[in-house]
Amino acid sequence: MEHGSFEDQSKATFSLTDEDHTLANALRFTLNQDPRVTFCGYSIPHPSDARVNIRVQTTGGPAREVLNDSCQDLMLICENVRDTFDKAILKFKTEEGLGSMDIKK
């Protein structure tokens, strides 16, 4: 849900349900990498409430568009991490294998 002004779309607060610090901090990081963002922060209203409020202020572009772009960037980062991890696992299994580990049965 978006909370903001219809007159000034460069500032908005987005409320994400069923989320916590994991997604909020990652989004805050990607938003702060965007040169269009002048301010970004998040808060969790109450520990028992599974909701995150993310505040985005931009240099003039719509905050919704900037948040959407940051979500896309975060998905690309996660895909890259997953691909790197999968390649490392495959390399371990093919080159070293479990023989290099001291495993006792």
PDB file of N, CA and C in Angstrom:
ATOM      1  N   MET A   1       0.843  -1.161   0.000  1.00  0.00           N
ATOM      2  CA  MET A   1       0.000   0.000   0.000  1.00  0.00           C
ATOM      3  C   MET A   1       0.898   1.237   0.000  1.00  0.00           C
ATOM      4  N   GLU A   2       0.499   2.202  -0.759  1.00  0.00           N
ATOM      5  CA  GLU A   2       1.279   3.440  -0.871  1.00  0.00           C
ATOM      6  C   GLU A   2       0.560   4.559  -0.136  1.00  0.00           C
ATOM      7  N   HIS A   3       1.336   5.290   0.669  1.00  0.00           N
ATOM      8  CA  HIS A   3       0.808   6.466   1.363  1.00  0.00           C
ATOM      9  C   HIS A   3       1.624   7.657   0.867  1.00  0.00           C
ATOM     10  N   GLY A   4       0.977   8.587   0.237  1.00  0.00           N
ATOM     11  CA  GLY A   4       1.709   9.742  -0.261  1.00  0.00           C
ATOM     12  C   GLY A   4       0.770  10.798  -0.780  1.00  0.00           C
ATOM     13  N   SER A   5       1.353  11.794  -1.379  1.00  0.00           N
ATOM     14  CA  SER A   5       0.592  12.919  -1.902  1.00  0.00           C
ATOM     15  C   SER A   5       0.343  12.716  -3.388  1.00  0.00           C
ATOM     16  N   PHE A   6      -0.827  13.070  -3.828  1.00  0.00           N
ATOM     17  CA  PHE A   6      -1.114  13.010  -5.263  1.00  0.00           C
ATOM     18  C   PHE A   6      -0.433  14.161  -5.994  1.00  0.00           C
ATOM     19  N   GLU A   7      -0.152  15.243  -5.278  1.00  0.00           N
ATOM     20  CA  GLU A   7       0.461  16.413  -5.896  1.00  0.00           C
ATOM     21  C   GLU A   7       1.960  16.242  -6.079  1.00  0.00           C
ATOM     22  N   ASP A   8       2.627  15.643  -5.087  1.00  0.00           N
ATOM     23  CA  ASP A   8       4.076  15.460  -5.147  1.00  0.00           C
ATOM     24  C   ASP A   8       4.391  13.966  -5.094  1.00  0.00           C
ATOM     25  N   GLN A   9       4.581  13.372  -6.268  1.00  0.00           N
ATOM     26  CA  GLN A   9       4.818  11.934  -6.349  1.00  0.00           C
ATOM     27  C   GLN A   9       6.266  11.563  -6.055  1.00  0.00           C
ATOM     28  N   SER A  10       7.104  12.553  -5.773  1.00  0.00           N
ATOM     29  CA  SER A  10       8.508  12.269  -5.492  1.00  0.00           C
ATOM     30  C   SER A  10       8.724  11.813  -4.049  1.00  0.00           C
ATOM     31  N   LYS A  11       7.683  11.846  -3.225  1.00  0.00           N
ATOM     32  CA  LYS A  11       7.771  11.434  -1.827  1.00  0.00           C
ATOM     33  C   LYS A  11       6.617  10.506  -1.525  1.00  0.00           C
ATOM     34  N   ALA A  12       6.950   9.350  -0.945  1.00  0.00           N
ATOM     35  CA  ALA A  12       5.895   8.405  -0.585  1.00  0.00           C
ATOM     36  C   ALA A  12       6.399   7.432   0.461  1.00  0.00           C
ATOM     37  N   THR A  13       5.445   6.885   1.208  1.00  0.00           N
ATOM     38  CA  THR A  13       5.725   5.827   2.167  1.00  0.00           C
ATOM     39  C   THR A  13       4.966   4.599   1.711  1.00  0.00           C
ATOM     40  N   PHE A  14       5.669   3.492   1.625  1.00  0.00           N
ATOM     41  CA  PHE A  14       5.087   2.237   1.171  1.00  0.00           C
ATOM     42  C   PHE A  14       5.004   1.285   2.350  1.00  0.00           C
ATOM     43  N   SER A  15       3.855   0.678   2.535  1.00  0.00           N
ATOM     44  CA  SER A  15       3.642  -0.260   3.626  1.00  0.00           C
ATOM     45  C   SER A  15       3.581  -1.666   3.045  1.00  0.00           C
ATOM     46  N   LEU A  16       4.533  -2.514   3.467  1.00  0.00           N
ATOM     47  CA  LEU A  16       4.609  -3.888   2.967  1.00  0.00           C
ATOM     48  C   LEU A  16       4.193  -4.834   4.090  1.00  0.00           C
ATOM     49  N   THR A  17       3.160  -5.628   3.836  1.00  0.00           N
ATOM     50  CA  THR A  17       2.698  -6.563   4.855  1.00  0.00           C
ATOM     51  C   THR A  17       3.446  -7.886   4.749  1.00  0.00           C
ATOM     52  N   ASP A  18       3.486  -8.595   5.851  1.00  0.00           N
ATOM     53  CA  ASP A  18       4.160  -9.897   5.969  1.00  0.00           C
ATOM     54  C   ASP A  18       5.637  -9.826   5.605  1.00  0.00           C
ATOM     55  N   GLU A  19       6.282  -8.724   5.944  1.00  0.00           N
ATOM     56  CA  GLU A  19       7.723  -8.558   5.697  1.00  0.00           C
ATOM     57  C   GLU A  19       8.398  -8.083   6.977  1.00  0.00           C
ATOM     58  N   ASP A  20       9.731  -8.196   6.987  1.00  0.00           N
ATOM     59  CA  ASP A  20      10.492  -7.789   8.168  1.00  0.00           C
ATOM     60  C   ASP A  20      11.797  -7.134   7.737  1.00  0.00           C
ATOM     61  N   HIS A  21      12.778  -7.107   8.653  1.00  0.00           N
ATOM     62  CA  HIS A  21      14.054  -6.443   8.381  1.00  0.00           C
ATOM     63  C   HIS A  21      14.796  -7.043   7.183  1.00  0.00           C
ATOM     64  N   THR A  22      14.578  -8.310   6.902  1.00  0.00           N
ATOM     65  CA  THR A  22      15.325  -8.972   5.826  1.00  0.00           C
ATOM     66  C   THR A  22      15.116  -8.261   4.492  1.00  0.00           C
ATOM     67  N   LEU A  23      13.881  -8.111   4.094  1.00  0.00           N
ATOM     68  CA  LEU A  23      13.592  -7.434   2.828  1.00  0.00           C
ATOM     69  C   LEU A  23      13.790  -5.928   2.958  1.00  0.00           C
ATOM     70  N   ALA A  24      13.363  -5.346   4.063  1.00  0.00           N
ATOM     71  CA  ALA A  24      13.423  -3.890   4.219  1.00  0.00           C
ATOM     72  C   ALA A  24      14.852  -3.375   4.144  1.00  0.00           C
ATOM     73  N   ASN A  25      15.779  -4.035   4.810  1.00  0.00           N
ATOM     74  CA  ASN A  25      17.167  -3.562   4.803  1.00  0.00           C
ATOM     75  C   ASN A  25      17.795  -3.750   3.426  1.00  0.00           C
ATOM     76  N   ALA A  26      17.474  -4.841   2.748  1.00  0.00           N
ATOM     77  CA  ALA A  26      17.998  -5.061   1.397  1.00  0.00           C
ATOM     78  C   ALA A  26      17.449  -4.001   0.429  1.00  0.00           C
ATOM     79  N   LEU A  27      16.168  -3.685   0.546  1.00  0.00           N
ATOM     80  CA  LEU A  27      15.583  -2.642  -0.308  1.00  0.00           C
ATOM     81  C   LEU A  27      16.170  -1.272   0.016  1.00  0.00           C
ATOM     82  N   ARG A  28      16.374  -0.999   1.291  1.00  0.00           N
ATOM     83  CA  ARG A  28      16.985   0.267   1.683  1.00  0.00           C
ATOM     84  C   ARG A  28      18.371   0.399   1.054  1.00  0.00           C
ATOM     85  N   PHE A  29      19.124  -0.690   1.059  1.00  0.00           N
ATOM     86  CA  PHE A  29      20.455  -0.680   0.464  1.00  0.00           C
ATOM     87  C   PHE A  29      20.392  -0.369  -1.032  1.00  0.00           C
ATOM     88  N   THR A  30      19.528  -1.080  -1.776  1.00  0.00           N
ATOM     89  CA  THR A  30      19.455  -0.848  -3.228  1.00  0.00           C
ATOM     90  C   THR A  30      18.889   0.537  -3.535  1.00  0.00           C
ATOM     91  N   LEU A  31      17.946   1.008  -2.733  1.00  0.00           N
ATOM     92  CA  LEU A  31      17.407   2.355  -2.953  1.00  0.00           C
ATOM     93  C   LEU A  31      18.484   3.413  -2.749  1.00  0.00           C
ATOM     94  N   ASN A  32      19.312   3.242  -1.733  1.00  0.00           N
ATOM     95  CA  ASN A  32      20.358   4.228  -1.469  1.00  0.00           C
ATOM     96  C   ASN A  32      21.458   4.211  -2.524  1.00  0.00           C
ATOM     97  N   GLN A  33      21.541   3.168  -3.336  1.00  0.00           N
ATOM     98  CA  GLN A  33      22.508   3.120  -4.434  1.00  0.00           C
ATOM     99  C   GLN A  33      22.027   3.919  -5.647  1.00  0.00           C
ATOM    100  N   ASP A  34      20.746   4.216  -5.685  1.00  0.00           N
ATOM    101  CA  ASP A  34      20.144   4.934  -6.818  1.00  0.00           C
ATOM    102  C   ASP A  34      20.381   6.431  -6.662  1.00  0.00           C
ATOM    103  N   PRO A  35      20.990   7.080  -7.666  1.00  0.00           N
ATOM    104  CA  PRO A  35      21.255   8.522  -7.558  1.00  0.00           C
ATOM    105  C   PRO A  35      19.988   9.380  -7.531  1.00  0.00           C
ATOM    106  N   ARG A  36      18.851   8.826  -7.913  1.00  0.00           N
ATOM    107  CA  ARG A  36      17.593   9.580  -7.875  1.00  0.00           C
ATOM    108  C   ARG A  36      17.035   9.699  -6.462  1.00  0.00           C
ATOM    109  N   VAL A  37      17.552   8.916  -5.529  1.00  0.00           N
ATOM    110  CA  VAL A  37      17.019   8.888  -4.162  1.00  0.00           C
ATOM    111  C   VAL A  37      17.755   9.897  -3.287  1.00  0.00           C
ATOM    112  N   THR A  38      16.980  10.764  -2.642  1.00  0.00           N
ATOM    113  CA  THR A  38      17.565  11.719  -1.704  1.00  0.00           C
ATOM    114  C   THR A  38      17.427  11.234  -0.261  1.00  0.00           C
ATOM    115  N   PHE A  39      16.410  10.433   0.012  1.00  0.00           N
ATOM    116  CA  PHE A  39      16.226   9.858   1.340  1.00  0.00           C
ATOM    117  C   PHE A  39      15.516   8.528   1.226  1.00  0.00           C
ATOM    118  N   CYS A  40      15.963   7.583   2.026  1.00  0.00           N
ATOM    119  CA  CYS A  40      15.284   6.302   2.109  1.00  0.00           C
ATOM    120  C   CYS A  40      15.500   5.741   3.508  1.00  0.00           C
ATOM    121  N   GLY A  41      14.451   5.275   4.099  1.00  0.00           N
ATOM    122  CA  GLY A  41      14.537   4.652   5.405  1.00  0.00           C
ATOM    123  C   GLY A  41      13.337   3.759   5.615  1.00  0.00           C
ATOM    124  N   TYR A  42      13.443   2.901   6.603  1.00  0.00           N
ATOM    125  CA  TYR A  42      12.305   2.040   6.893  1.00  0.00           C
ATOM    126  C   TYR A  42      12.093   1.939   8.389  1.00  0.00           C
ATOM    127  N   SER A  43      10.877   1.570   8.746  1.00  0.00           N
ATOM    128  CA  SER A  43      10.556   1.348  10.153  1.00  0.00           C
ATOM    129  C   SER A  43       9.576   0.193  10.255  1.00  0.00           C
ATOM    130  N   ILE A  44       9.616  -0.447  11.404  1.00  0.00           N
ATOM    131  CA  ILE A  44       8.648  -1.482  11.718  1.00  0.00           C
ATOM    132  C   ILE A  44       7.812  -0.926  12.862  1.00  0.00           C
ATOM    133  N   PRO A  45       6.522  -0.674  12.607  1.00  0.00           N
ATOM    134  CA  PRO A  45       5.698   0.015  13.601  1.00  0.00           C
ATOM    135  C   PRO A  45       5.669  -0.669  14.975  1.00  0.00           C
ATOM    136  N   HIS A  46       5.590  -1.982  14.973  1.00  0.00           N
ATOM    137  CA  HIS A  46       5.548  -2.717  16.237  1.00  0.00           C
ATOM    138  C   HIS A  46       6.091  -4.120  15.995  1.00  0.00           C
ATOM    139  N   PRO A  47       6.862  -4.664  16.924  1.00  0.00           N
ATOM    140  CA  PRO A  47       7.457  -5.993  16.709  1.00  0.00           C
ATOM    141  C   PRO A  47       6.443  -7.106  16.451  1.00  0.00           C
ATOM    142  N   SER A  48       5.247  -6.986  16.990  1.00  0.00           N
ATOM    143  CA  SER A  48       4.253  -8.035  16.764  1.00  0.00           C
ATOM    144  C   SER A  48       3.456  -7.824  15.481  1.00  0.00           C
ATOM    145  N   ASP A  49       3.704  -6.717  14.800  1.00  0.00           N
ATOM    146  CA  ASP A  49       3.012  -6.400  13.550  1.00  0.00           C
ATOM    147  C   ASP A  49       3.945  -6.723  12.386  1.00  0.00           C
ATOM    148  N   ALA A  50       3.581  -7.701  11.571  1.00  0.00           N
ATOM    149  CA  ALA A  50       4.418  -8.113  10.435  1.00  0.00           C
ATOM    150  C   ALA A  50       4.229  -7.132   9.274  1.00  0.00           C
ATOM    151  N   ARG A  51       4.737  -5.919   9.481  1.00  0.00           N
ATOM    152  CA  ARG A  51       4.592  -4.873   8.474  1.00  0.00           C
ATOM    153  C   ARG A  51       5.816  -3.977   8.507  1.00  0.00           C
ATOM    154  N   VAL A  52       6.203  -3.499   7.331  1.00  0.00           N
ATOM    155  CA  VAL A  52       7.343  -2.605   7.194  1.00  0.00           C
ATOM    156  C   VAL A  52       6.884  -1.364   6.436  1.00  0.00           C
ATOM    157  N   ASN A  53       7.264  -0.195   6.934  1.00  0.00           N
ATOM    158  CA  ASN A  53       7.009   1.057   6.221  1.00  0.00           C
ATOM    159  C   ASN A  53       8.328   1.529   5.629  1.00  0.00           C
ATOM    160  N   ILE A  54       8.346   1.753   4.316  1.00  0.00           N
ATOM    161  CA  ILE A  54       9.543   2.236   3.632  1.00  0.00           C
ATOM    162  C   ILE A  54       9.253   3.624   3.087  1.00  0.00           C
ATOM    163  N   ARG A  55      10.048   4.592   3.499  1.00  0.00           N
ATOM    164  CA  ARG A  55       9.898   5.985   3.054  1.00  0.00           C
ATOM    165  C   ARG A  55      10.913   6.247   1.959  1.00  0.00           C
ATOM    166  N   VAL A  56      10.453   6.798   0.833  1.00  0.00           N
ATOM    167  CA  VAL A  56      11.324   7.106  -0.304  1.00  0.00           C
ATOM    168  C   VAL A  56      11.079   8.539  -0.725  1.00  0.00           C
ATOM    169  N   GLN A  57      12.150   9.306  -0.840  1.00  0.00           N
ATOM    170  CA  GLN A  57      12.087  10.662  -1.385  1.00  0.00           C
ATOM    171  C   GLN A  57      13.108  10.735  -2.510  1.00  0.00           C
ATOM    172  N   THR A  58      12.686  11.284  -3.634  1.00  0.00           N
ATOM    173  CA  THR A  58      13.546  11.322  -4.818  1.00  0.00           C
ATOM    174  C   THR A  58      13.857  12.756  -5.226  1.00  0.00           C
ATOM    175  N   THR A  59      14.717  12.869  -6.225  1.00  0.00           N
ATOM    176  CA  THR A  59      15.097  14.181  -6.750  1.00  0.00           C
ATOM    177  C   THR A  59      14.013  14.784  -7.636  1.00  0.00           C
ATOM    178  N   GLY A  60      12.967  14.048  -7.905  1.00  0.00           N
ATOM    179  CA  GLY A  60      11.883  14.580  -8.733  1.00  0.00           C
ATOM    180  C   GLY A  60      11.059  13.508  -9.414  1.00  0.00           C
ATOM    181  N   GLY A  61      11.661  12.348  -9.647  1.00  0.00           N
ATOM    182  CA  GLY A  61      10.928  11.258 -10.289  1.00  0.00           C
ATOM    183  C   GLY A  61       9.941  10.620  -9.327  1.00  0.00           C
ATOM    184  N   PRO A  62       8.971   9.890  -9.854  1.00  0.00           N
ATOM    185  CA  PRO A  62       7.984   9.234  -8.993  1.00  0.00           C
ATOM    186  C   PRO A  62       8.638   8.203  -8.065  1.00  0.00           C
ATOM    187  N   ALA A  63       8.324   8.285  -6.788  1.00  0.00           N
ATOM    188  CA  ALA A  63       8.893   7.365  -5.801  1.00  0.00           C
ATOM    189  C   ALA A  63       8.492   5.928  -6.097  1.00  0.00           C
ATOM    190  N   ARG A  64       7.306   5.742  -6.605  1.00  0.00           N
ATOM    191  CA  ARG A  64       6.829   4.388  -6.933  1.00  0.00           C
ATOM    192  C   ARG A  64       7.718   3.753  -8.000  1.00  0.00           C
ATOM    193  N   GLU A  65       8.080   4.528  -9.010  1.00  0.00           N
ATOM    194  CA  GLU A  65       8.936   4.021 -10.091  1.00  0.00           C
ATOM    195  C   GLU A  65      10.336   3.681  -9.568  1.00  0.00           C
ATOM    196  N   VAL A  66      10.866   4.514  -8.695  1.00  0.00           N
ATOM    197  CA  VAL A  66      12.194   4.283  -8.126  1.00  0.00           C
ATOM    198  C   VAL A  66      12.177   3.021  -7.261  1.00  0.00           C
ATOM    199  N   LEU A  67      11.122   2.841  -6.457  1.00  0.00           N
ATOM    200  CA  LEU A  67      11.002   1.629  -5.646  1.00  0.00           C
ATOM    201  C   LEU A  67      10.901   0.395  -6.528  1.00  0.00           C
ATOM    202  N   ASN A  68      10.135   0.479  -7.589  1.00  0.00           N
ATOM    203  CA  ASN A  68      10.002  -0.644  -8.520  1.00  0.00           C
ATOM    204  C   ASN A  68      11.353  -0.992  -9.140  1.00  0.00           C
ATOM    205  N   ASP A  69      12.112   0.025  -9.552  1.00  0.00           N
ATOM    206  CA  ASP A  69      13.437  -0.216 -10.131  1.00  0.00           C
ATOM    207  C   ASP A  69      14.373  -0.862  -9.113  1.00  0.00           C
ATOM    208  N   SER A  70      14.288  -0.433  -7.870  1.00  0.00           N
ATOM    209  CA  SER A  70      15.140  -1.006  -6.824  1.00  0.00           C
ATOM    210  C   SER A  70      14.763  -2.458  -6.542  1.00  0.00           C
ATOM    211  N   CYS A  71      13.486  -2.765  -6.616  1.00  0.00           N
ATOM    212  CA  CYS A  71      13.060  -4.165  -6.456  1.00  0.00           C
ATOM    213  C   CYS A  71      13.625  -5.025  -7.585  1.00  0.00           C
ATOM    214  N   GLN A  72      13.624  -4.486  -8.807  1.00  0.00           N
ATOM    215  CA  GLN A  72      14.205  -5.218  -9.945  1.00  0.00           C
ATOM    216  C   GLN A  72      15.705  -5.411  -9.738  1.00  0.00           C
ATOM    217  N   ASP A  73      16.390  -4.368  -9.267  1.00  0.00           N
ATOM    218  CA  ASP A  73      17.828  -4.473  -8.995  1.00  0.00           C
ATOM    219  C   ASP A  73      18.104  -5.527  -7.930  1.00  0.00           C
ATOM    220  N   LEU A  74      17.287  -5.552  -6.888  1.00  0.00           N
ATOM    221  CA  LEU A  74      17.463  -6.531  -5.821  1.00  0.00           C
ATOM    222  C   LEU A  74      17.253  -7.951  -6.336  1.00  0.00           C
ATOM    223  N   MET A  75      16.290  -8.134  -7.226  1.00  0.00           N
ATOM    224  CA  MET A  75      16.080  -9.459  -7.812  1.00  0.00           C
ATOM    225  C   MET A  75      17.298  -9.894  -8.624  1.00  0.00           C
ATOM    226  N   LEU A  76      17.903  -8.974  -9.361  1.00  0.00           N
ATOM    227  CA  LEU A  76      19.113  -9.298 -10.129  1.00  0.00           C
ATOM    228  C   LEU A  76      20.278  -9.653  -9.204  1.00  0.00           C
ATOM    229  N   ILE A  77      20.414  -8.931  -8.111  1.00  0.00           N
ATOM    230  CA  ILE A  77      21.464  -9.240  -7.143  1.00  0.00           C
ATOM    231  C   ILE A  77      21.258 -10.639  -6.574  1.00  0.00           C
ATOM    232  N   CYS A  78      20.023 -10.955  -6.217  1.00  0.00           N
ATOM    233  CA  CYS A  78      19.726 -12.285  -5.658  1.00  0.00           C
ATOM    234  C   CYS A  78      19.984 -13.386  -6.686  1.00  0.00           C
ATOM    235  N   GLU A  79      19.626 -13.145  -7.940  1.00  0.00           N
ATOM    236  CA  GLU A  79      19.899 -14.132  -8.990  1.00  0.00           C
ATOM    237  C   GLU A  79      21.397 -14.349  -9.153  1.00  0.00           C
ATOM    238  N   ASN A  80      22.171 -13.268  -9.090  1.00  0.00           N
ATOM    239  CA  ASN A  80      23.623 -13.375  -9.213  1.00  0.00           C
ATOM    240  C   ASN A  80      24.216 -14.171  -8.043  1.00  0.00           C
ATOM    241  N   VAL A  81      23.743 -13.904  -6.842  1.00  0.00           N
ATOM    242  CA  VAL A  81      24.224 -14.638  -5.669  1.00  0.00           C
ATOM    243  C   VAL A  81      23.887 -16.119  -5.811  1.00  0.00           C
ATOM    244  N   ARG A  82      22.671 -16.416  -6.251  1.00  0.00           N
ATOM    245  CA  ARG A  82      22.253 -17.818  -6.422  1.00  0.00           C
ATOM    246  C   ARG A  82      23.092 -18.518  -7.476  1.00  0.00           C
ATOM    247  N   ASP A  83      23.330 -17.844  -8.617  1.00  0.00           N
ATOM    248  CA  ASP A  83      24.151 -18.438  -9.682  1.00  0.00           C
ATOM    249  C   ASP A  83      25.577 -18.699  -9.204  1.00  0.00           C
ATOM    250  N   THR A  84      26.151 -17.747  -8.484  1.00  0.00           N
ATOM    251  CA  THR A  84      27.504 -17.904  -7.949  1.00  0.00           C
ATOM    252  C   THR A  84      27.564 -19.073  -6.970  1.00  0.00           C
ATOM    253  N   PHE A  85      26.569 -19.175  -6.120  1.00  0.00           N
ATOM    254  CA  PHE A  85      26.503 -20.268  -5.152  1.00  0.00           C
ATOM    255  C   PHE A  85      26.383 -21.617  -5.857  1.00  0.00           C
ATOM    256  N   ASP A  86      25.481 -21.695  -6.842  1.00  0.00           N
ATOM    257  CA  ASP A  86      25.295 -22.949  -7.575  1.00  0.00           C
ATOM    258  C   ASP A  86      26.571 -23.377  -8.296  1.00  0.00           C
ATOM    259  N   LYS A  87      27.286 -22.423  -8.881  1.00  0.00           N
ATOM    260  CA  LYS A  87      28.550 -22.735  -9.560  1.00  0.00           C
ATOM    261  C   LYS A  87      29.601 -23.230  -8.570  1.00  0.00           C
ATOM    262  N   ALA A  88      29.651 -22.625  -7.396  1.00  0.00           N
ATOM    263  CA  ALA A  88      30.616 -23.049  -6.379  1.00  0.00           C
ATOM    264  C   ALA A  88      30.302 -24.459  -5.893  1.00  0.00           C
ATOM    265  N   ILE A  89      29.040 -24.780  -5.721  1.00  0.00           N
ATOM    266  CA  ILE A  89      28.646 -26.131  -5.311  1.00  0.00           C
ATOM    267  C   ILE A  89      29.022 -27.139  -6.381  1.00  0.00           C
ATOM    268  N   LEU A  90      28.729 -26.813  -7.634  1.00  0.00           N
ATOM    269  CA  LEU A  90      29.068 -27.712  -8.743  1.00  0.00           C
ATOM    270  C   LEU A  90      30.576 -27.912  -8.827  1.00  0.00           C
ATOM    271  N   LYS A  91      31.338 -26.855  -8.676  1.00  0.00           N
ATOM    272  CA  LYS A  91      32.800 -26.952  -8.706  1.00  0.00           C
ATOM    273  C   LYS A  91      33.299 -27.829  -7.566  1.00  0.00           C
ATOM    274  N   PHE A  92      32.739 -27.660  -6.387  1.00  0.00           N
ATOM    275  CA  PHE A  92      33.143 -28.468  -5.242  1.00  0.00           C
ATOM    276  C   PHE A  92      32.858 -29.945  -5.491  1.00  0.00           C
ATOM    277  N   LYS A  93      31.677 -30.227  -6.026  1.00  0.00           N
ATOM    278  CA  LYS A  93      31.292 -31.622  -6.252  1.00  0.00           C
ATOM    279  C   LYS A  93      32.128 -32.292  -7.339  1.00  0.00           C
ATOM    280  N   THR A  94      32.502 -31.531  -8.368  1.00  0.00           N
ATOM    281  CA  THR A  94      33.240 -32.138  -9.481  1.00  0.00           C
ATOM    282  C   THR A  94      34.738 -32.171  -9.251  1.00  0.00           C
ATOM    283  N   GLU A  95      35.302 -31.156  -8.633  1.00  0.00           N
ATOM    284  CA  GLU A  95      36.756 -31.090  -8.484  1.00  0.00           C
ATOM    285  C   GLU A  95      37.245 -31.715  -7.186  1.00  0.00           C
ATOM    286  N   GLU A  96      36.718 -31.264  -6.088  1.00  0.00           N
ATOM    287  CA  GLU A  96      37.222 -31.722  -4.803  1.00  0.00           C
ATOM    288  C   GLU A  96      36.433 -32.910  -4.268  1.00  0.00           C
ATOM    289  N   GLY A  97      35.150 -32.802  -4.368  1.00  0.00           N
ATOM    290  CA  GLY A  97      34.310 -33.858  -3.839  1.00  0.00           C
ATOM    291  C   GLY A  97      34.387 -33.939  -2.329  1.00  0.00           C
ATOM    292  N   LEU A  98      33.716 -34.911  -1.793  1.00  0.00           N
ATOM    293  CA  LEU A  98      33.706 -35.077  -0.349  1.00  0.00           C
ATOM    294  C   LEU A  98      34.963 -35.767   0.151  1.00  0.00           C
ATOM    295  N   GLY A  99      35.798 -36.265  -0.748  1.00  0.00           N
ATOM    296  CA  GLY A  99      37.024 -36.945  -0.349  1.00  0.00           C
ATOM    297  C   GLY A  99      37.989 -36.029   0.392  1.00  0.00           C
ATOM    298  N   SER A 100      37.934 -34.739   0.115  1.00  0.00           N
ATOM    299  CA  SER A 100      38.841 -33.810   0.775  1.00  0.00           C
ATOM    300  C   SER A 100      38.404 -33.474   2.199  1.00  0.00           C
ATOM    301  N   MET A 101      37.177 -33.859   2.550  1.00  0.00           N
ATOM    302  CA  MET A 101      36.667 -33.569   3.874  1.00  0.00           C
ATOM    303  C   MET A 101      36.890 -34.778   4.788  1.00  0.00           C
ATOM    304  N   ASP A 102      37.138 -34.527   6.047  1.00  0.00           N
ATOM    305  CA  ASP A 102      37.338 -35.589   7.022  1.00  0.00           C
ATOM    306  C   ASP A 102      35.974 -35.914   7.651  1.00  0.00           C
ATOM    307  N   ILE A 103      35.231 -36.802   6.989  1.00  0.00           N
ATOM    308  CA  ILE A 103      33.895 -37.170   7.456  1.00  0.00           C
ATOM    309  C   ILE A 103      33.977 -38.565   8.068  1.00  0.00           C
ATOM    310  N   LYS A 104      33.523 -38.680   9.299  1.00  0.00           N
ATOM    311  CA  LYS A 104      33.526 -39.977  10.000  1.00  0.00           C
ATOM    312  C   LYS A 104      32.107 -40.496  10.088  1.00  0.00           C
ATOM    313  N   LYS A 105      31.980 -41.751   9.794  1.00  0.00           N
ATOM    314  CA  LYS A 105      30.641 -42.352   9.816  1.00  0.00           C
ATOM    315  C   LYS A 105      30.324 -42.903  11.172  1.00  0.00           C
TER     316      LYS A 105
END
